[in-house]
Amino acid sequence: MQQLPFKFRIVEYAVSLGRPLTSIDVCRGLKNEYQEKQCNVRNIEDIMQTLQKTGILTGVDQYFDREGRIRTRYAVTDQGRAYYVGMPQES
């Protein structure tokens, strides 16, 4: 089975979850599919911020985690859903 590029898989996961999510949620959900080098909270947050800048995700709220770091919850936009429909699917 061919794996989707990580950025595409994050969008697919966000669409399938159907609710706002954080980089921590994505990391927990995809940790068994990707290497630790890719699937870590810091890398995922960077990707999600890029997806937000391109209009695929939007930040819906922010909070401080237990360590005092600010976290953002993201939701898929209508543009993001359209992007997902046009993405190559796993075979």
C-alpha atoms as a PDB file:
ATOM      1  CA  MET A   1       0.000   0.000   0.000  1.00  0.00           C
ATOM      2  CA  GLN A   2       1.380   3.389  -1.001  1.00  0.00           C
ATOM      3  CA  GLN A   3       1.332   6.041   1.699  1.00  0.00           C
ATOM      4  CA  LEU A   4      -0.052   9.511   1.076  1.00  0.00           C
ATOM      5  CA  PRO A   5       2.412  12.370   1.543  1.00  0.00           C
ATOM      6  CA  PHE A   6       2.206  13.478   5.161  1.00  0.00           C
ATOM      7  CA  LYS A   7       0.629  16.888   4.444  1.00  0.00           C
ATOM      8  CA  PHE A   8      -2.170  15.230   2.432  1.00  0.00           C
ATOM      9  CA  ARG A   9      -2.722  12.647   5.172  1.00  0.00           C
ATOM     10  CA  ILE A  10      -3.107  15.398   7.775  1.00  0.00           C
ATOM     11  CA  VAL A  11      -5.859  16.985   5.660  1.00  0.00           C
ATOM     12  CA  GLU A  12      -7.507  13.596   5.120  1.00  0.00           C
ATOM     13  CA  TYR A  13      -7.382  12.878   8.862  1.00  0.00           C
ATOM     14  CA  ALA A  14      -8.845  16.293   9.719  1.00  0.00           C
ATOM     15  CA  VAL A  15     -11.697  15.793   7.250  1.00  0.00           C
ATOM     16  CA  SER A  16     -12.421  12.277   8.522  1.00  0.00           C
ATOM     17  CA  LEU A  17     -12.419  13.398  12.163  1.00  0.00           C
ATOM     18  CA  GLY A  18     -15.052  16.030  11.408  1.00  0.00           C
ATOM     19  CA  ARG A  19     -14.204  18.266  14.361  1.00  0.00           C
ATOM     20  CA  PRO A  20     -11.533  20.810  15.269  1.00  0.00           C
ATOM     21  CA  LEU A  21      -8.220  19.243  16.181  1.00  0.00           C
ATOM     22  CA  THR A  22      -4.751  20.134  17.391  1.00  0.00           C
ATOM     23  CA  SER A  23      -1.318  18.993  16.299  1.00  0.00           C
ATOM     24  CA  ILE A  24      -1.376  16.708  19.348  1.00  0.00           C
ATOM     25  CA  ASP A  25      -4.574  15.034  18.088  1.00  0.00           C
ATOM     26  CA  VAL A  26      -2.992  14.495  14.673  1.00  0.00           C
ATOM     27  CA  CYS A  27       0.181  13.100  16.212  1.00  0.00           C
ATOM     28  CA  ARG A  28      -1.786  10.597  18.294  1.00  0.00           C
ATOM     29  CA  GLY A  29      -3.975   9.628  15.361  1.00  0.00           C
ATOM     30  CA  LEU A  30      -1.199   9.098  12.823  1.00  0.00           C
ATOM     31  CA  LYS A  31       1.735   7.926  14.942  1.00  0.00           C
ATOM     32  CA  ASN A  32       1.371   4.318  13.783  1.00  0.00           C
ATOM     33  CA  GLU A  33       1.438   5.301  10.092  1.00  0.00           C
ATOM     34  CA  TYR A  34       4.475   7.583   9.877  1.00  0.00           C
ATOM     35  CA  GLN A  35       7.996   7.759  11.238  1.00  0.00           C
ATOM     36  CA  GLU A  36       8.653   9.739  14.386  1.00  0.00           C
ATOM     37  CA  LYS A  37      10.763  12.192  12.356  1.00  0.00           C
ATOM     38  CA  GLN A  38       7.625  13.265  10.467  1.00  0.00           C
ATOM     39  CA  CYS A  39       4.964  12.530  13.042  1.00  0.00           C
ATOM     40  CA  ASN A  40       5.894  14.785  15.921  1.00  0.00           C
ATOM     41  CA  VAL A  41       3.906  17.653  17.379  1.00  0.00           C
ATOM     42  CA  ARG A  42       6.348  20.358  16.318  1.00  0.00           C
ATOM     43  CA  ASN A  43       6.471  19.249  12.671  1.00  0.00           C
ATOM     44  CA  ILE A  44       2.706  18.765  12.533  1.00  0.00           C
ATOM     45  CA  GLU A  45       2.095  22.226  13.999  1.00  0.00           C
ATOM     46  CA  ASP A  46       4.332  23.734  11.306  1.00  0.00           C
ATOM     47  CA  ILE A  47       2.393  21.894   8.594  1.00  0.00           C
ATOM     48  CA  MET A  48      -0.962  22.897  10.079  1.00  0.00           C
ATOM     49  CA  GLN A  49       0.130  26.550  10.206  1.00  0.00           C
ATOM     50  CA  THR A  50       1.097  26.331   6.535  1.00  0.00           C
ATOM     51  CA  LEU A  51      -2.268  24.734   5.723  1.00  0.00           C
ATOM     52  CA  GLN A  52      -3.924  27.613   7.589  1.00  0.00           C
ATOM     53  CA  LYS A  53      -1.989  30.180   5.556  1.00  0.00           C
ATOM     54  CA  THR A  54      -3.172  28.516   2.345  1.00  0.00           C
ATOM     55  CA  GLY A  55      -6.806  28.481   3.493  1.00  0.00           C
ATOM     56  CA  ILE A  56      -7.173  24.714   3.905  1.00  0.00           C
ATOM     57  CA  LEU A  57      -7.419  24.934   7.707  1.00  0.00           C
ATOM     58  CA  THR A  58      -8.568  27.729   9.957  1.00  0.00           C
ATOM     59  CA  GLY A  59      -7.736  28.343  13.591  1.00  0.00           C
ATOM     60  CA  VAL A  60     -10.916  28.135  15.663  1.00  0.00           C
ATOM     61  CA  ASP A  61      -9.528  28.700  19.154  1.00  0.00           C
ATOM     62  CA  GLN A  62      -6.376  28.704  21.242  1.00  0.00           C
ATOM     63  CA  TYR A  63      -5.529  27.530  24.739  1.00  0.00           C
ATOM     64  CA  PHE A  64      -2.538  26.944  26.995  1.00  0.00           C
ATOM     65  CA  ASP A  65      -1.502  23.326  27.482  1.00  0.00           C
ATOM     66  CA  ARG A  66      -0.232  21.894  30.773  1.00  0.00           C
ATOM     67  CA  GLU A  67       3.310  23.034  30.010  1.00  0.00           C
ATOM     68  CA  GLY A  68       2.132  26.601  29.367  1.00  0.00           C
ATOM     69  CA  ARG A  69       2.525  26.412  25.572  1.00  0.00           C
ATOM     70  CA  ILE A  70      -0.150  27.978  23.426  1.00  0.00           C
ATOM     71  CA  ARG A  71      -2.018  25.451  21.273  1.00  0.00           C
ATOM     72  CA  THR A  72      -4.364  26.082  18.375  1.00  0.00           C
ATOM     73  CA  ARG A  73      -7.354  24.002  17.368  1.00  0.00           C
ATOM     74  CA  TYR A  74      -7.848  23.916  13.615  1.00  0.00           C
ATOM     75  CA  ALA A  75     -10.894  23.088  11.507  1.00  0.00           C
ATOM     76  CA  VAL A  76     -11.065  22.236   7.821  1.00  0.00           C
ATOM     77  CA  THR A  77     -12.445  25.057   5.669  1.00  0.00           C
ATOM     78  CA  ASP A  78     -14.765  24.636   2.694  1.00  0.00           C
ATOM     79  CA  GLN A  79     -11.721  25.234   0.507  1.00  0.00           C
ATOM     80  CA  GLY A  80      -9.941  22.479   2.453  1.00  0.00           C
ATOM     81  CA  ARG A  81     -12.785  20.054   1.820  1.00  0.00           C
ATOM     82  CA  ALA A  82     -12.658  20.873  -1.898  1.00  0.00           C
ATOM     83  CA  TYR A  83      -8.889  20.325  -1.797  1.00  0.00           C
ATOM     84  CA  TYR A  84      -9.442  16.965  -0.091  1.00  0.00           C
ATOM     85  CA  VAL A  85     -11.906  15.831  -2.762  1.00  0.00           C
ATOM     86  CA  GLY A  86      -9.300  16.604  -5.425  1.00  0.00           C
ATOM     87  CA  MET A  87      -6.433  14.859  -3.597  1.00  0.00           C
ATOM     88  CA  PRO A  88      -4.961  11.596  -4.846  1.00  0.00           C
ATOM     89  CA  GLN A  89      -6.442   8.765  -2.804  1.00  0.00           C
ATOM     90  CA  GLU A  90      -4.485   5.861  -1.326  1.00  0.00           C
ATOM     91  CA  SER A  91      -4.461   2.746  -3.466  1.00  0.00           C
END
